[in-house]
Amino acid sequence: MADVVIYTTAFCPYCHRAKSLLKSKSVDFTEIDVTMNSSKRREMTSLSGSTSVPQIFVDGAHLGDCDAIHRFDHQGTLDQKLGLSA
């Protein structure tokens, strides 16, 4: 399975929605809360090119935000991107 990292903030509904989708697929992920951590927020921005949360990475590659992973799921490509299918 892929190494999934998600940058979040505590009160972000999109973060909760993205995590719920990942959990529904039984995907283990590392959550990095940037709510009060400016160095991690800068890291996220540098890696993703975006200041909004959530930002999701798979095996170090930027996958996108909440809308992106839901779009991939709707298109039927998310499982493959997450390493869930061959």
Protein backbone atom coordinates (compact mmCIF):
# COMPACT_ATOMS: atom_id res chain seq x y z
CA MET A 1 0.00 0.00 0.00
CA ALA A 2 1.12 3.55 -0.70
CA ASP A 3 2.45 5.99 1.90
CA VAL A 4 -0.31 8.60 2.23
CA VAL A 5 0.20 11.93 4.00
CA ILE A 6 -2.53 14.52 4.52
CA TYR A 7 -1.95 18.06 5.77
CA THR A 8 -4.97 19.33 7.72
CA THR A 9 -6.27 21.90 10.17
CA ALA A 10 -8.45 21.16 13.16
CA PHE A 11 -11.72 22.78 12.11
CA CYS A 12 -11.64 22.32 8.33
CA PRO A 13 -14.73 20.53 6.98
CA TYR A 14 -12.88 19.64 3.77
CA CYS A 15 -10.15 17.98 5.82
CA HIS A 16 -12.74 15.88 7.65
CA ARG A 17 -14.38 14.99 4.34
CA ALA A 18 -11.07 13.93 2.77
CA LYS A 19 -10.10 11.85 5.80
CA SER A 20 -13.53 10.19 5.79
CA LEU A 21 -13.06 9.15 2.16
CA LEU A 22 -9.61 7.71 2.90
CA LYS A 23 -10.94 5.89 5.98
CA SER A 24 -13.85 4.48 3.98
CA LYS A 25 -11.26 2.85 1.73
CA SER A 26 -9.30 1.56 4.77
CA VAL A 27 -6.31 3.67 3.79
CA ASP A 28 -3.76 4.26 6.51
CA PHE A 29 -2.44 7.80 6.41
CA THR A 30 -0.21 10.15 8.34
CA GLU A 31 -1.98 13.34 9.33
CA ILE A 32 0.04 16.52 9.75
CA ASP A 33 -2.00 19.19 11.55
CA VAL A 34 -0.81 22.64 10.46
CA THR A 35 -3.32 24.59 12.58
CA MET A 36 -0.70 26.00 14.94
CA ASN A 37 2.45 24.83 13.16
CA SER A 38 3.75 27.49 10.78
CA SER A 39 6.83 25.47 9.76
CA LYS A 40 4.68 22.50 8.68
CA ARG A 41 2.31 24.87 6.87
CA ARG A 42 5.28 26.34 4.97
CA GLU A 43 6.43 22.79 4.19
CA MET A 44 2.97 21.93 2.84
CA THR A 45 2.86 25.09 0.74
CA SER A 46 6.32 24.44 -0.64
CA LEU A 47 5.46 20.85 -1.57
CA SER A 48 1.98 21.48 -2.97
CA GLY A 49 2.11 25.03 -4.25
CA SER A 50 -1.10 25.72 -2.32
CA THR A 51 -1.89 27.32 1.02
CA SER A 52 -5.30 25.64 1.39
CA VAL A 53 -5.98 22.44 3.30
CA PRO A 54 -6.22 19.57 2.99
CA GLN A 55 -3.32 18.67 0.76
CA ILE A 56 -2.80 14.97 0.09
CA PHE A 57 0.40 13.24 -0.98
CA VAL A 58 0.89 9.64 -2.08
CA ASP A 59 4.42 8.22 -1.97
CA GLY A 60 5.70 11.80 -1.87
CA ALA A 61 3.79 12.93 -4.96
CA HIS A 62 1.13 15.61 -4.62
CA LEU A 63 -2.30 14.13 -5.28
CA GLY A 64 -4.32 17.26 -4.60
CA ASP A 65 -6.96 18.57 -2.25
CA CYS A 66 -10.35 17.29 -1.07
CA ASP A 67 -12.07 18.09 -4.36
CA ALA A 68 -9.33 16.30 -6.31
CA ILE A 69 -9.53 13.04 -4.41
CA HIS A 70 -13.33 13.01 -4.60
CA ARG A 71 -13.10 13.70 -8.34
CA PHE A 72 -10.61 10.83 -8.73
CA ASP A 73 -12.94 8.59 -6.74
CA HIS A 74 -15.90 9.55 -8.94
CA GLN A 75 -13.79 8.83 -12.06
CA GLY A 76 -12.80 5.45 -10.63
CA THR A 77 -9.07 6.24 -10.51
CA LEU A 78 -8.52 6.96 -6.82
CA ASP A 79 -7.96 3.35 -5.76
CA GLN A 80 -5.16 2.96 -8.27
CA LYS A 81 -3.57 6.28 -7.21
CA LEU A 82 -3.68 5.07 -3.60
CA GLY A 83 -2.08 1.75 -4.49
CA LEU A 84 -5.25 -0.20 -3.68
CA SER A 85 -5.55 -1.89 -7.05
CA ALA A 86 -3.07 -3.50 -9.38
